C-alpha atoms as a PDB file:
ATOM      1  CA  UNK A   1     108.191 152.757 111.273  1.00  0.00           C
ATOM      2  CA  UNK A   2     108.919 149.273 112.187  1.00  0.00           C
ATOM      3  CA  UNK A   3     112.180 148.138 113.703  1.00  0.00           C
ATOM      4  CA  UNK A   4     114.493 145.617 112.082  1.00  0.00           C
ATOM      5  CA  UNK A   5     113.436 143.023 114.604  1.00  0.00           C
ATOM      6  CA  UNK A   6     109.813 143.423 113.744  1.00  0.00           C
ATOM      7  CA  UNK A   7     110.344 143.086 109.984  1.00  0.00           C
ATOM      8  CA  UNK A   8     111.368 139.352 110.231  1.00  0.00           C
ATOM      9  CA  UNK A   9     114.304 137.607 108.852  1.00  0.00           C
ATOM     10  CA  UNK A  10     116.240 139.402 106.125  1.00  0.00           C
ATOM     11  CA  UNK A  11     117.879 138.153 103.014  1.00  0.00           C
ATOM     12  CA  UNK A  12     121.075 137.411 104.772  1.00  0.00           C
ATOM     13  CA  UNK A  13     119.260 135.176 107.204  1.00  0.00           C
ATOM     14  CA  UNK A  14     117.499 133.311 104.486  1.00  0.00           C
ATOM     15  CA  UNK A  15     120.764 132.740 102.568  1.00  0.00           C
ATOM     16  CA  UNK A  16     122.489 131.566 105.712  1.00  0.00           C
ATOM     17  CA  UNK A  17     119.550 129.030 106.238  1.00  0.00           C
ATOM     18  CA  UNK A  18     119.746 127.747 102.808  1.00  0.00           C
ATOM     19  CA  UNK A  19     123.613 127.273 103.169  1.00  0.00           C
ATOM     20  CA  UNK A  20     123.056 125.519 106.473  1.00  0.00           C
ATOM     21  CA  UNK A  21     120.551 123.091 104.902  1.00  0.00           C
ATOM     22  CA  UNK A  22     122.757 122.327 101.982  1.00  0.00           C
ATOM     23  CA  UNK A  23     125.726 121.676 104.116  1.00  0.00           C
ATOM     24  CA  UNK A  24     123.614 119.369 106.328  1.00  0.00           C
ATOM     25  CA  UNK A  25     122.468 117.429 103.260  1.00  0.00           C
ATOM     26  CA  UNK A  26     125.990 117.223 101.926  1.00  0.00           C
ATOM     27  CA  UNK A  27     127.313 115.907 105.161  1.00  0.00           C
ATOM     28  CA  UNK A  28     124.586 113.174 105.316  1.00  0.00           C
ATOM     29  CA  UNK A  29     125.366 112.239 101.719  1.00  0.00           C
ATOM     30  CA  UNK A  30     129.076 111.932 102.447  1.00  0.00           C
ATOM     31  CA  UNK A  31     128.476 109.867 105.546  1.00  0.00           C
ATOM     32  CA  UNK A  32     126.108 107.525 103.652  1.00  0.00           C
ATOM     33  CA  UNK A  33     128.576 107.103 100.783  1.00  0.00           C
ATOM     34  CA  UNK A  34     131.368 106.470 103.259  1.00  0.00           C
ATOM     35  CA  UNK A  35     129.445 103.709 104.842  1.00  0.00           C
ATOM     36  CA  UNK A  36     128.595 102.188 101.455  1.00  0.00           C
ATOM     37  CA  UNK A  37     132.196 102.219 100.173  1.00  0.00           C
ATOM     38  CA  UNK A  38     133.902 101.161 103.497  1.00  0.00           C
ATOM     39  CA  UNK A  39     134.147  97.503 102.507  1.00  0.00           C
ATOM     40  CA  UNK A  40     135.530  98.187  99.090  1.00  0.00           C
ATOM     41  CA  UNK A  41     139.387  97.614  98.733  1.00  0.00           C
ATOM     42  CA  UNK A  42     141.652 100.301  97.287  1.00  0.00           C
ATOM     43  CA  UNK A  43     142.219  98.292  94.101  1.00  0.00           C
ATOM     44  CA  UNK A  44     138.421  97.955  93.682  1.00  0.00           C
ATOM     45  CA  UNK A  45     138.006 101.777  94.067  1.00  0.00           C
ATOM     46  CA  UNK A  46     140.630 102.357  91.377  1.00  0.00           C
ATOM     47  CA  UNK A  47     138.793  99.827  89.146  1.00  0.00           C
ATOM     48  CA  UNK A  48     135.446 101.658  89.623  1.00  0.00           C
ATOM     49  CA  UNK A  49     137.111 104.951  88.983  1.00  0.00           C
ATOM     50  CA  UNK A  50     138.667 103.666  85.793  1.00  0.00           C
ATOM     51  CA  UNK A  51     135.408 102.367  84.771  1.00  0.00           C
ATOM     52  CA  UNK A  52     133.627 105.594  85.367  1.00  0.00           C
ATOM     53  CA  UNK A  53     136.317 107.501  83.472  1.00  0.00           C
ATOM     54  CA  UNK A  54     136.155 105.027  80.455  1.00  0.00           C
ATOM     55  CA  UNK A  55     132.350 105.279  80.179  1.00  0.00           C
ATOM     56  CA  UNK A  56     132.360 109.073  80.491  1.00  0.00           C
ATOM     57  CA  UNK A  57     135.106 109.370  77.870  1.00  0.00           C
ATOM     58  CA  UNK A  58     133.405 107.052  75.565  1.00  0.00           C
ATOM     59  CA  UNK A  59     130.099 108.789  75.788  1.00  0.00           C
ATOM     60  CA  UNK A  60     131.690 112.227  75.283  1.00  0.00           C
ATOM     61  CA  UNK A  61     133.707 110.907  72.305  1.00  0.00           C
ATOM     62  CA  UNK A  62     130.555 109.589  70.674  1.00  0.00           C
ATOM     63  CA  UNK A  63     128.657 112.880  71.315  1.00  0.00           C
ATOM     64  CA  UNK A  64     131.521 114.911  69.634  1.00  0.00           C
ATOM     65  CA  UNK A  65     131.883 112.435  66.691  1.00  0.00           C
ATOM     66  CA  UNK A  66     128.120 112.556  66.216  1.00  0.00           C
ATOM     67  CA  UNK A  67     127.906 116.312  66.179  1.00  0.00           C
ATOM     68  CA  UNK A  68     130.929 116.713  63.769  1.00  0.00           C
ATOM     69  CA  UNK A  69     129.913 113.958  61.276  1.00  0.00           C
ATOM     70  CA  UNK A  70     128.305 115.080  57.970  1.00  0.00           C
ATOM     71  CA  UNK A  71     125.280 112.691  58.051  1.00  0.00           C
ATOM     72  CA  UNK A  72     122.035 113.791  56.692  1.00  0.00           C
ATOM     73  CA  UNK A  73     119.632 114.452  59.551  1.00  0.00           C
ATOM     74  CA  UNK A  74     116.093 115.788  59.285  1.00  0.00           C
ATOM     75  CA  UNK A  75     115.775 119.332  60.594  1.00  0.00           C
ATOM     76  CA  UNK A  76     112.377 120.098  62.122  1.00  0.00           C
ATOM     77  CA  UNK A  77     110.794 123.586  62.006  1.00  0.00           C
ATOM     78  CA  UNK A  78     107.610 124.423  63.845  1.00  0.00           C
ATOM     79  CA  UNK A  79     105.614 127.456  62.405  1.00  0.00           C
ATOM     80  CA  UNK A  80     102.716 128.661  64.454  1.00  0.00           C
ATOM     81  CA  UNK A  81      99.463 130.048  63.286  1.00  0.00           C
ATOM     82  CA  UNK A  82      99.384 128.392  59.831  1.00  0.00           C
ATOM     83  CA  UNK A  83      96.235 128.687  57.620  1.00  0.00           C
ATOM     84  CA  UNK A  84      93.627 131.281  56.836  1.00  0.00           C
ATOM     85  CA  UNK A  85      92.409 131.551  60.463  1.00  0.00           C
ATOM     86  CA  UNK A  86      89.679 128.840  60.028  1.00  0.00           C
ATOM     87  CA  UNK A  87      90.627 126.461  62.784  1.00  0.00           C
ATOM     88  CA  UNK A  88      88.072 123.830  61.848  1.00  0.00           C
ATOM     89  CA  UNK A  89      89.704 123.030  58.463  1.00  0.00           C
ATOM     90  CA  UNK A  90      89.368 119.260  57.305  1.00  0.00           C
ATOM     91  CA  UNK A  91      91.887 117.467  54.993  1.00  0.00           C
ATOM     92  CA  UNK A  92      90.386 116.336  51.680  1.00  0.00           C
ATOM     93  CA  UNK A  93      91.246 112.780  52.559  1.00  0.00           C
ATOM     94  CA  UNK A  94      89.553 112.845  55.921  1.00  0.00           C
ATOM     95  CA  UNK A  95      86.033 114.026  56.166  1.00  0.00           C
ATOM     96  CA  UNK A  96      85.531 114.549  59.785  1.00  0.00           C
ATOM     97  CA  UNK A  97      82.252 115.390  61.649  1.00  0.00           C
ATOM     98  CA  UNK A  98      81.944 119.042  62.579  1.00  0.00           C
ATOM     99  CA  UNK A  99      83.649 119.488  65.818  1.00  0.00           C
ATOM    100  CA  UNK A 100      82.084 120.928  68.928  1.00  0.00           C
ATOM    101  CA  UNK A 101      83.576 124.140  70.212  1.00  0.00           C
ATOM    102  CA  UNK A 102      86.337 123.176  72.535  1.00  0.00           C
ATOM    103  CA  UNK A 103      89.530 124.648  73.909  1.00  0.00           C
ATOM    104  CA  UNK A 104      91.558 122.997  71.047  1.00  0.00           C
ATOM    105  CA  UNK A 105      89.425 124.797  68.493  1.00  0.00           C
ATOM    106  CA  UNK A 106      90.527 128.258  69.794  1.00  0.00           C
ATOM    107  CA  UNK A 107      94.176 127.324  69.635  1.00  0.00           C
ATOM    108  CA  UNK A 108      96.199 128.263  66.625  1.00  0.00           C
ATOM    109  CA  UNK A 109      97.278 125.360  64.425  1.00  0.00           C
ATOM    110  CA  UNK A 110     101.089 124.626  63.931  1.00  0.00           C
ATOM    111  CA  UNK A 111     102.694 123.073  61.016  1.00  0.00           C
ATOM    112  CA  UNK A 112     105.697 120.818  61.326  1.00  0.00           C
ATOM    113  CA  UNK A 113     108.071 120.606  58.327  1.00  0.00           C
ATOM    114  CA  UNK A 114     110.961 118.251  57.991  1.00  0.00           C
ATOM    115  CA  UNK A 115     113.800 119.100  55.727  1.00  0.00           C
ATOM    116  CA  UNK A 116     117.090 117.286  55.004  1.00  0.00           C
ATOM    117  CA  UNK A 117     120.293 119.233  55.741  1.00  0.00           C
END
């Protein structure tokens, strides 16, 4: 039987390595952002924060309003494997040349239906 030392790093070591890498990336990002924002005055930072909050609130409000409004929207259903099993069917309006056997011929057809709410 092998010793623990011979088995290689355990899950605790892998998790510790991942945590160290994430902390290193976070520290580099923080230093980079600190250098970029060092020349912005405090009032400018407040203005940027206010702009960010207003944009976020506006977008979230629009998403909530849009989800609660009773507009008619098309609902799309996808049904797989439609037809009688003949995957080389041709519409009456379109007379296509016989297809060569390809990967697409072996795949089941799907039908997309659109209904109003």
